[in-house]
Amino acid sequence: MADCQEFCLRWNNFQSNITHQFETLRDDEDFVDVTLTTGGKCIKAHKVVLSACSPYFKELLKNNPCKHPIIFMRDVEFAHLKALVAFMYAGVVNVEQAELASFLRTAEALHVLGLTEAPQLHRDIRVSCPARCSPLSPLHTRPNSLSPLLTQSLLNRTRTRFT
């Protein structure tokens, strides 16, 4: 019986290297396969990164058959969206104190891991595909998964918009 030795090979600084590579892929728009849009501005990203950082995006993208969906986000400030995407790629973001509360509400609505804990869906987001796919209807919130204050706020905005 021969002795089998096993060797552990380790990539030094793997986490920082992979984070840097993902940021480079995003910055160069290499292999992007999803577009987030709000207020007439767009951000291109990678489904795998959004899905890994947000159960909301994971479920949304799993159920969308498009190769490159466009996700329209109402009532989301572009600066917040840009900062959230930066956070998803780097794990760190700087937000001004005056914007912190609304930024965190947006993160909570999109269930961005590392910024919030409770899963939830947001009604004011819809997805469409640029080619043959038809747009998806707005998603419905699950009030039991939202904080009472956020639930009431979303319900009030929804009643105004959809009734």
N, C-alpha and C. Protein backbone atom coordinates (compact mmCIF):
# COMPACT_ATOMS: atom_id res chain seq x y z
N MET A 1 0.83 -1.17 0.00
CA MET A 1 0.00 0.00 0.00
C MET A 1 0.88 1.25 0.00
N ALA A 2 0.71 2.10 -0.99
CA ALA A 2 1.53 3.30 -1.12
C ALA A 2 0.94 4.43 -0.29
N ASP A 3 1.83 5.21 0.31
CA ASP A 3 1.37 6.38 1.06
C ASP A 3 0.98 7.47 0.07
N CYS A 4 -0.22 8.01 0.24
CA CYS A 4 -0.68 9.13 -0.59
C CYS A 4 -0.57 10.40 0.23
N GLN A 5 0.21 11.30 -0.28
CA GLN A 5 0.32 12.59 0.38
C GLN A 5 -0.56 13.58 -0.36
N GLU A 6 -1.20 14.41 0.39
CA GLU A 6 -2.05 15.44 -0.18
C GLU A 6 -1.42 16.79 0.12
N PHE A 7 -1.40 17.66 -0.86
CA PHE A 7 -0.82 18.98 -0.71
C PHE A 7 -1.91 20.03 -0.77
N CYS A 8 -1.81 20.99 0.09
CA CYS A 8 -2.75 22.10 0.10
C CYS A 8 -2.10 23.27 -0.65
N LEU A 9 -2.72 23.65 -1.75
CA LEU A 9 -2.22 24.77 -2.55
C LEU A 9 -3.12 25.97 -2.27
N ARG A 10 -2.52 27.07 -1.94
CA ARG A 10 -3.30 28.24 -1.55
C ARG A 10 -2.86 29.45 -2.36
N TRP A 11 -3.85 30.18 -2.84
CA TRP A 11 -3.62 31.44 -3.56
C TRP A 11 -3.54 32.53 -2.49
N ASN A 12 -2.36 33.10 -2.31
CA ASN A 12 -2.19 34.17 -1.34
C ASN A 12 -3.07 35.36 -1.73
N ASN A 13 -3.71 35.93 -0.75
CA ASN A 13 -4.58 37.10 -0.96
C ASN A 13 -5.70 36.83 -1.96
N PHE A 14 -6.23 35.62 -1.95
CA PHE A 14 -7.28 35.25 -2.89
C PHE A 14 -8.45 36.22 -2.84
N GLN A 15 -8.96 36.51 -1.65
CA GLN A 15 -10.14 37.36 -1.53
C GLN A 15 -9.91 38.75 -2.11
N SER A 16 -8.81 39.36 -1.81
CA SER A 16 -8.56 40.69 -2.36
C SER A 16 -8.32 40.63 -3.87
N ASN A 17 -7.66 39.57 -4.33
CA ASN A 17 -7.44 39.43 -5.78
C ASN A 17 -8.76 39.23 -6.53
N ILE A 18 -9.62 38.37 -6.02
CA ILE A 18 -10.87 38.09 -6.72
C ILE A 18 -11.78 39.31 -6.69
N THR A 19 -11.78 40.03 -5.56
CA THR A 19 -12.57 41.25 -5.46
C THR A 19 -12.08 42.26 -6.49
N HIS A 20 -10.78 42.43 -6.59
CA HIS A 20 -10.22 43.36 -7.57
C HIS A 20 -10.59 42.93 -9.00
N GLN A 21 -10.53 41.65 -9.29
CA GLN A 21 -10.86 41.17 -10.64
C GLN A 21 -12.33 41.41 -10.98
N PHE A 22 -13.23 41.18 -10.01
CA PHE A 22 -14.65 41.45 -10.25
C PHE A 22 -14.89 42.94 -10.50
N GLU A 23 -14.23 43.79 -9.72
CA GLU A 23 -14.35 45.23 -9.93
C GLU A 23 -13.85 45.63 -11.32
N THR A 24 -12.74 45.04 -11.75
CA THR A 24 -12.19 45.32 -13.07
C THR A 24 -13.15 44.86 -14.17
N LEU A 25 -13.73 43.68 -14.00
CA LEU A 25 -14.71 43.19 -14.97
C LEU A 25 -15.89 44.16 -15.07
N ARG A 26 -16.35 44.65 -13.93
CA ARG A 26 -17.47 45.60 -13.92
C ARG A 26 -17.05 46.91 -14.57
N ASP A 27 -15.91 47.46 -14.18
CA ASP A 27 -15.46 48.74 -14.71
C ASP A 27 -15.26 48.68 -16.22
N ASP A 28 -14.72 47.57 -16.72
CA ASP A 28 -14.48 47.41 -18.16
C ASP A 28 -15.71 46.91 -18.90
N GLU A 29 -16.77 46.61 -18.16
CA GLU A 29 -18.02 46.06 -18.69
C GLU A 29 -17.79 44.77 -19.46
N ASP A 30 -16.82 43.97 -19.02
CA ASP A 30 -16.56 42.67 -19.61
C ASP A 30 -17.55 41.66 -19.04
N PHE A 31 -18.21 40.92 -19.91
CA PHE A 31 -19.13 39.84 -19.54
C PHE A 31 -20.34 40.30 -18.73
N VAL A 32 -20.67 41.60 -18.75
CA VAL A 32 -21.87 42.05 -18.04
C VAL A 32 -23.09 41.39 -18.67
N ASP A 33 -24.07 41.04 -17.83
CA ASP A 33 -25.23 40.34 -18.35
C ASP A 33 -26.54 40.79 -17.72
N VAL A 34 -26.53 41.96 -17.09
CA VAL A 34 -27.75 42.55 -16.54
C VAL A 34 -27.55 44.07 -16.49
N THR A 35 -28.64 44.80 -16.72
CA THR A 35 -28.60 46.26 -16.64
C THR A 35 -29.62 46.71 -15.61
N LEU A 36 -29.19 47.55 -14.69
CA LEU A 36 -30.07 48.16 -13.70
C LEU A 36 -30.28 49.60 -14.12
N THR A 37 -31.52 50.06 -14.11
CA THR A 37 -31.78 51.41 -14.57
C THR A 37 -32.76 52.12 -13.64
N THR A 38 -32.49 53.39 -13.42
CA THR A 38 -33.38 54.25 -12.65
C THR A 38 -33.11 55.70 -13.05
N GLY A 39 -34.15 56.48 -13.11
CA GLY A 39 -33.99 57.89 -13.44
C GLY A 39 -33.31 58.15 -14.76
N GLY A 40 -33.47 57.25 -15.73
CA GLY A 40 -32.86 57.43 -17.04
C GLY A 40 -31.38 57.10 -17.11
N LYS A 41 -30.80 56.62 -16.01
CA LYS A 41 -29.39 56.24 -15.99
C LYS A 41 -29.29 54.73 -15.78
N CYS A 42 -28.21 54.15 -16.31
CA CYS A 42 -28.03 52.69 -16.26
C CYS A 42 -26.72 52.29 -15.60
N ILE A 43 -26.75 51.12 -15.00
CA ILE A 43 -25.55 50.49 -14.47
C ILE A 43 -25.54 49.06 -14.98
N LYS A 44 -24.45 48.66 -15.60
CA LYS A 44 -24.32 47.27 -16.05
C LYS A 44 -23.60 46.48 -14.98
N ALA A 45 -24.01 45.23 -14.82
CA ALA A 45 -23.44 44.40 -13.76
C ALA A 45 -23.46 42.93 -14.19
N HIS A 46 -23.09 42.07 -13.27
CA HIS A 46 -23.05 40.63 -13.50
C HIS A 46 -24.11 39.95 -12.64
N LYS A 47 -24.92 39.11 -13.26
CA LYS A 47 -25.97 38.40 -12.52
C LYS A 47 -25.41 37.63 -11.33
N VAL A 48 -24.27 37.00 -11.53
CA VAL A 48 -23.70 36.17 -10.47
C VAL A 48 -23.33 37.00 -9.25
N VAL A 49 -22.85 38.21 -9.45
CA VAL A 49 -22.48 39.07 -8.32
C VAL A 49 -23.74 39.57 -7.61
N LEU A 50 -24.72 40.05 -8.39
CA LEU A 50 -25.97 40.52 -7.78
C LEU A 50 -26.65 39.38 -7.02
N SER A 51 -26.67 38.19 -7.61
CA SER A 51 -27.31 37.04 -6.98
C SER A 51 -26.59 36.59 -5.72
N ALA A 52 -25.29 36.66 -5.72
CA ALA A 52 -24.52 36.26 -4.54
C ALA A 52 -24.71 37.24 -3.39
N CYS A 53 -25.02 38.48 -3.71
CA CYS A 53 -25.11 39.52 -2.68
C CYS A 53 -26.54 39.88 -2.28
N SER A 54 -27.52 39.33 -2.97
CA SER A 54 -28.91 39.68 -2.68
C SER A 54 -29.84 38.53 -3.04
N PRO A 55 -30.47 37.92 -2.04
CA PRO A 55 -31.46 36.88 -2.34
C PRO A 55 -32.60 37.42 -3.21
N TYR A 56 -32.90 38.70 -3.08
CA TYR A 56 -33.92 39.31 -3.94
C TYR A 56 -33.51 39.21 -5.40
N PHE A 57 -32.30 39.67 -5.72
CA PHE A 57 -31.82 39.60 -7.10
C PHE A 57 -31.68 38.15 -7.55
N LYS A 58 -31.25 37.28 -6.66
CA LYS A 58 -31.10 35.87 -7.02
C LYS A 58 -32.42 35.28 -7.49
N GLU A 59 -33.47 35.51 -6.73
CA GLU A 59 -34.79 34.97 -7.09
C GLU A 59 -35.31 35.63 -8.36
N LEU A 60 -35.15 36.93 -8.47
CA LEU A 60 -35.60 37.66 -9.65
C LEU A 60 -34.91 37.15 -10.91
N LEU A 61 -33.60 36.99 -10.84
CA LEU A 61 -32.83 36.59 -12.01
C LEU A 61 -33.00 35.11 -12.34
N LYS A 62 -33.19 34.28 -11.31
CA LYS A 62 -33.44 32.85 -11.56
C LYS A 62 -34.73 32.64 -12.34
N ASN A 63 -35.71 33.47 -12.06
CA ASN A 63 -37.02 33.32 -12.70
C ASN A 63 -37.15 34.11 -13.99
N ASN A 64 -36.09 34.74 -14.44
CA ASN A 64 -36.12 35.53 -15.67
C ASN A 64 -35.32 34.82 -16.75
N PRO A 65 -35.95 34.42 -17.84
CA PRO A 65 -35.26 33.64 -18.87
C PRO A 65 -34.35 34.44 -19.80
N CYS A 66 -34.30 35.74 -19.65
CA CYS A 66 -33.51 36.57 -20.57
C CYS A 66 -32.01 36.43 -20.33
N LYS A 67 -31.26 36.52 -21.42
CA LYS A 67 -29.80 36.47 -21.31
C LYS A 67 -29.24 37.76 -20.70
N HIS A 68 -29.85 38.89 -21.02
CA HIS A 68 -29.40 40.18 -20.49
C HIS A 68 -30.64 41.01 -20.13
N PRO A 69 -31.23 40.76 -18.95
CA PRO A 69 -32.42 41.52 -18.57
C PRO A 69 -32.07 42.96 -18.22
N ILE A 70 -33.07 43.81 -18.35
CA ILE A 70 -32.97 45.20 -17.91
C ILE A 70 -33.94 45.33 -16.74
N ILE A 71 -33.44 45.73 -15.59
CA ILE A 71 -34.27 45.86 -14.40
C ILE A 71 -34.53 47.34 -14.15
N PHE A 72 -35.81 47.72 -14.28
CA PHE A 72 -36.22 49.10 -14.06
C PHE A 72 -36.58 49.26 -12.58
N MET A 73 -35.97 50.23 -11.94
CA MET A 73 -36.16 50.41 -10.50
C MET A 73 -36.75 51.78 -10.23
N ARG A 74 -38.02 51.80 -9.86
CA ARG A 74 -38.68 53.06 -9.54
C ARG A 74 -38.37 53.43 -8.10
N ASP A 75 -38.39 54.71 -7.84
CA ASP A 75 -38.19 55.25 -6.49
C ASP A 75 -36.87 54.83 -5.87
N VAL A 76 -35.88 54.56 -6.70
CA VAL A 76 -34.53 54.27 -6.22
C VAL A 76 -33.62 55.34 -6.80
N GLU A 77 -32.95 56.05 -5.93
CA GLU A 77 -32.04 57.10 -6.40
C GLU A 77 -30.84 56.46 -7.09
N PHE A 78 -30.42 57.05 -8.19
CA PHE A 78 -29.29 56.50 -8.94
C PHE A 78 -28.04 56.43 -8.07
N ALA A 79 -27.80 57.46 -7.27
CA ALA A 79 -26.61 57.46 -6.40
C ALA A 79 -26.63 56.28 -5.44
N HIS A 80 -27.81 55.95 -4.91
CA HIS A 80 -27.93 54.80 -4.01
C HIS A 80 -27.70 53.50 -4.76
N LEU A 81 -28.28 53.39 -5.94
CA LEU A 81 -28.10 52.18 -6.74
C LEU A 81 -26.63 51.98 -7.09
N LYS A 82 -25.98 53.05 -7.49
CA LYS A 82 -24.55 52.98 -7.83
C LYS A 82 -23.73 52.56 -6.62
N ALA A 83 -24.04 53.13 -5.46
CA ALA A 83 -23.32 52.78 -4.23
C ALA A 83 -23.59 51.33 -3.81
N LEU A 84 -24.82 50.87 -3.97
CA LEU A 84 -25.14 49.48 -3.62
C LEU A 84 -24.40 48.50 -4.52
N VAL A 85 -24.34 48.80 -5.79
CA VAL A 85 -23.60 47.92 -6.72
C VAL A 85 -22.11 47.94 -6.35
N ALA A 86 -21.59 49.10 -6.05
CA ALA A 86 -20.18 49.18 -5.63
C ALA A 86 -19.95 48.34 -4.37
N PHE A 87 -20.89 48.40 -3.43
CA PHE A 87 -20.79 47.60 -2.21
C PHE A 87 -20.80 46.11 -2.53
N MET A 88 -21.66 45.71 -3.46
CA MET A 88 -21.75 44.29 -3.82
C MET A 88 -20.46 43.78 -4.44
N TYR A 89 -19.77 44.63 -5.16
CA TYR A 89 -18.52 44.21 -5.80
C TYR A 89 -17.32 44.29 -4.87
N ALA A 90 -17.31 45.27 -3.96
CA ALA A 90 -16.12 45.49 -3.14
C ALA A 90 -16.31 45.16 -1.66
N GLY A 91 -17.57 45.11 -1.21
CA GLY A 91 -17.82 44.83 0.19
C GLY A 91 -17.65 46.05 1.08
N VAL A 92 -17.49 47.19 0.48
CA VAL A 92 -17.32 48.43 1.24
C VAL A 92 -17.83 49.59 0.38
N VAL A 93 -18.42 50.59 1.03
CA VAL A 93 -18.88 51.77 0.31
C VAL A 93 -18.95 52.93 1.30
N ASN A 94 -18.72 54.14 0.82
CA ASN A 94 -18.84 55.34 1.65
C ASN A 94 -20.15 56.04 1.29
N VAL A 95 -20.92 56.37 2.33
CA VAL A 95 -22.20 57.05 2.15
C VAL A 95 -22.23 58.24 3.10
N GLU A 96 -22.67 59.38 2.60
CA GLU A 96 -22.78 60.56 3.45
C GLU A 96 -23.84 60.34 4.52
N GLN A 97 -23.62 60.92 5.69
CA GLN A 97 -24.52 60.73 6.81
C GLN A 97 -25.95 61.14 6.46
N ALA A 98 -26.11 62.22 5.71
CA ALA A 98 -27.44 62.70 5.34
C ALA A 98 -28.19 61.69 4.47
N GLU A 99 -27.47 60.87 3.74
CA GLU A 99 -28.07 59.88 2.84
C GLU A 99 -28.17 58.49 3.46
N LEU A 100 -27.58 58.29 4.62
CA LEU A 100 -27.46 56.95 5.19
C LEU A 100 -28.80 56.26 5.42
N ALA A 101 -29.76 56.93 6.01
CA ALA A 101 -31.05 56.30 6.31
C ALA A 101 -31.76 55.85 5.03
N SER A 102 -31.83 56.71 4.03
CA SER A 102 -32.53 56.33 2.79
C SER A 102 -31.73 55.27 2.02
N PHE A 103 -30.41 55.36 2.09
CA PHE A 103 -29.57 54.34 1.45
C PHE A 103 -29.83 52.96 2.07
N LEU A 104 -29.88 52.92 3.40
CA LEU A 104 -30.13 51.64 4.08
C LEU A 104 -31.54 51.13 3.83
N ARG A 105 -32.51 52.02 3.66
CA ARG A 105 -33.87 51.57 3.29
C ARG A 105 -33.86 50.92 1.91
N THR A 106 -33.11 51.49 0.99
CA THR A 106 -33.00 50.90 -0.34
C THR A 106 -32.30 49.55 -0.26
N ALA A 107 -31.25 49.47 0.52
CA ALA A 107 -30.54 48.19 0.72
C ALA A 107 -31.47 47.16 1.34
N GLU A 108 -32.30 47.59 2.27
CA GLU A 108 -33.26 46.68 2.91
C GLU A 108 -34.30 46.20 1.90
N ALA A 109 -34.79 47.10 1.07
CA ALA A 109 -35.78 46.73 0.07
C ALA A 109 -35.23 45.71 -0.93
N LEU A 110 -33.93 45.79 -1.21
CA LEU A 110 -33.30 44.87 -2.16
C LEU A 110 -32.59 43.72 -1.46
N HIS A 111 -32.68 43.68 -0.15
CA HIS A 111 -32.07 42.65 0.69
C HIS A 111 -30.60 42.42 0.34
N VAL A 112 -29.85 43.49 0.38
CA VAL A 112 -28.42 43.41 0.10
C VAL A 112 -27.72 42.86 1.35
N LEU A 113 -27.10 41.69 1.20
CA LEU A 113 -26.42 41.06 2.31
C LEU A 113 -25.28 41.93 2.81
N GLY A 114 -25.10 41.94 4.11
CA GLY A 114 -24.06 42.77 4.71
C GLY A 114 -24.59 44.13 5.13
N LEU A 115 -25.73 44.53 4.58
CA LEU A 115 -26.35 45.80 4.95
C LEU A 115 -27.70 45.61 5.62
N THR A 116 -28.27 44.43 5.47
CA THR A 116 -29.59 44.13 6.02
C THR A 116 -29.69 42.63 6.27
N GLU A 117 -30.66 42.25 7.05
CA GLU A 117 -30.82 40.84 7.39
C GLU A 117 -32.10 40.24 6.85
N ALA A 118 -33.21 40.95 6.89
CA ALA A 118 -34.52 40.37 6.56
C ALA A 118 -34.75 40.33 5.06
N PRO A 119 -35.13 39.18 4.50
CA PRO A 119 -35.45 39.10 3.07
C PRO A 119 -36.76 39.82 2.78
N GLN A 120 -36.83 40.42 1.61
CA GLN A 120 -38.04 41.10 1.22
C GLN A 120 -38.06 41.35 -0.28
N LEU A 121 -39.22 41.68 -0.78
CA LEU A 121 -39.39 42.02 -2.18
C LEU A 121 -39.85 43.46 -2.26
N HIS A 122 -39.62 44.11 -3.37
CA HIS A 122 -39.97 45.51 -3.54
C HIS A 122 -40.92 45.62 -4.72
N ARG A 123 -42.03 46.26 -4.54
CA ARG A 123 -43.07 46.35 -5.54
C ARG A 123 -42.67 47.20 -6.75
N ASP A 124 -41.83 48.19 -6.57
CA ASP A 124 -41.57 49.17 -7.62
C ASP A 124 -40.41 48.79 -8.53
N ILE A 125 -40.22 47.52 -8.75
CA ILE A 125 -39.15 47.07 -9.64
C ILE A 125 -39.76 46.16 -10.68
N ARG A 126 -39.43 46.36 -11.93
CA ARG A 126 -39.89 45.46 -12.98
C ARG A 126 -38.72 45.14 -13.89
N VAL A 127 -38.84 44.05 -14.60
CA VAL A 127 -37.76 43.57 -15.44
C VAL A 127 -38.27 43.44 -16.86
N SER A 128 -37.45 43.79 -17.83
CA SER A 128 -37.79 43.50 -19.21
C SER A 128 -36.54 43.03 -19.93
N CYS A 129 -36.76 42.39 -21.05
CA CYS A 129 -35.67 41.89 -21.86
C CYS A 129 -35.61 42.70 -23.14
N PRO A 130 -34.42 43.01 -23.63
CA PRO A 130 -34.31 43.85 -24.80
C PRO A 130 -34.81 43.20 -26.09
N ALA A 131 -34.84 41.89 -26.18
CA ALA A 131 -35.19 41.25 -27.44
C ALA A 131 -36.64 40.77 -27.45
N ARG A 132 -36.85 39.46 -27.50
CA ARG A 132 -38.16 38.88 -27.70
C ARG A 132 -38.97 38.71 -26.44
N CYS A 133 -38.41 38.85 -25.29
CA CYS A 133 -39.13 38.61 -24.04
C CYS A 133 -40.02 39.80 -23.73
N SER A 134 -41.14 39.54 -23.09
CA SER A 134 -42.01 40.62 -22.68
C SER A 134 -41.66 41.05 -21.26
N PRO A 135 -41.94 42.31 -20.91
CA PRO A 135 -41.62 42.77 -19.56
C PRO A 135 -42.36 41.96 -18.50
N LEU A 136 -41.72 41.77 -17.37
CA LEU A 136 -42.37 41.13 -16.24
C LEU A 136 -43.18 42.17 -15.50
N SER A 137 -44.26 41.77 -14.92
CA SER A 137 -45.07 42.70 -14.15
C SER A 137 -44.37 43.05 -12.85
N PRO A 138 -44.76 44.17 -12.24
CA PRO A 138 -44.14 44.52 -10.97
C PRO A 138 -44.31 43.41 -9.95
N LEU A 139 -43.32 43.24 -9.11
CA LEU A 139 -43.37 42.21 -8.08
C LEU A 139 -44.20 42.69 -6.92
N HIS A 140 -44.76 41.77 -6.19
CA HIS A 140 -45.58 42.11 -5.03
C HIS A 140 -44.76 41.95 -3.76
N THR A 141 -44.96 42.86 -2.85
CA THR A 141 -44.27 42.77 -1.58
C THR A 141 -44.94 41.73 -0.70
N ARG A 142 -44.19 41.19 0.24
CA ARG A 142 -44.73 40.30 1.25
C ARG A 142 -44.67 41.07 2.56
N PRO A 143 -45.76 41.73 2.94
CA PRO A 143 -45.72 42.61 4.10
C PRO A 143 -45.21 41.93 5.37
N ASN A 144 -45.43 40.64 5.56
CA ASN A 144 -44.97 39.99 6.78
C ASN A 144 -43.46 39.91 6.87
N SER A 145 -42.73 40.14 5.78
CA SER A 145 -41.28 40.07 5.84
C SER A 145 -40.64 41.46 5.98
N LEU A 146 -41.47 42.52 5.96
CA LEU A 146 -40.95 43.87 6.06
C LEU A 146 -41.17 44.42 7.45
N SER A 147 -40.36 45.40 7.81
CA SER A 147 -40.60 46.09 9.07
C SER A 147 -41.93 46.82 8.95
N PRO A 148 -42.67 47.00 10.06
CA PRO A 148 -43.98 47.66 10.00
C PRO A 148 -43.92 49.05 9.38
N LEU A 149 -42.89 49.84 9.71
CA LEU A 149 -42.77 51.18 9.16
C LEU A 149 -42.54 51.14 7.65
N LEU A 150 -41.65 50.27 7.19
CA LEU A 150 -41.38 50.14 5.76
C LEU A 150 -42.60 49.60 5.04
N THR A 151 -43.29 48.65 5.64
CA THR A 151 -44.50 48.09 5.04
C THR A 151 -45.53 49.18 4.80
N GLN A 152 -45.79 49.99 5.83
CA GLN A 152 -46.78 51.06 5.69
C GLN A 152 -46.36 52.05 4.62
N SER A 153 -45.09 52.40 4.59
CA SER A 153 -44.58 53.33 3.58
C SER A 153 -44.77 52.77 2.18
N LEU A 154 -44.41 51.49 1.98
CA LEU A 154 -44.57 50.86 0.66
C LEU A 154 -46.03 50.76 0.27
N LEU A 155 -46.89 50.40 1.22
CA LEU A 155 -48.32 50.28 0.92
C LEU A 155 -48.91 51.62 0.55
N ASN A 156 -48.53 52.68 1.25
CA ASN A 156 -49.03 54.01 0.93
C ASN A 156 -48.60 54.43 -0.47
N ARG A 157 -47.33 54.23 -0.81
CA ARG A 157 -46.85 54.59 -2.15
C ARG A 157 -47.53 53.75 -3.22
N THR A 158 -47.75 52.46 -2.93
CA THR A 158 -48.35 51.56 -3.89
C THR A 158 -49.80 51.93 -4.14
N ARG A 159 -50.55 52.22 -3.08
CA ARG A 159 -51.96 52.62 -3.26
C ARG A 159 -52.06 53.86 -4.13
N THR A 160 -51.19 54.81 -3.91
CA THR A 160 -51.20 56.04 -4.69
C THR A 160 -50.91 55.76 -6.15
N ARG A 161 -49.97 54.88 -6.42
CA ARG A 161 -49.52 54.63 -7.78
C ARG A 161 -50.43 53.69 -8.56
N PHE A 162 -50.97 52.66 -7.92
CA PHE A 162 -51.66 51.61 -8.65
C PHE A 162 -53.18 51.63 -8.51
N THR A 163 -53.74 52.55 -7.75
CA THR A 163 -55.19 52.56 -7.61
C THR A 163 -55.78 53.71 -8.38
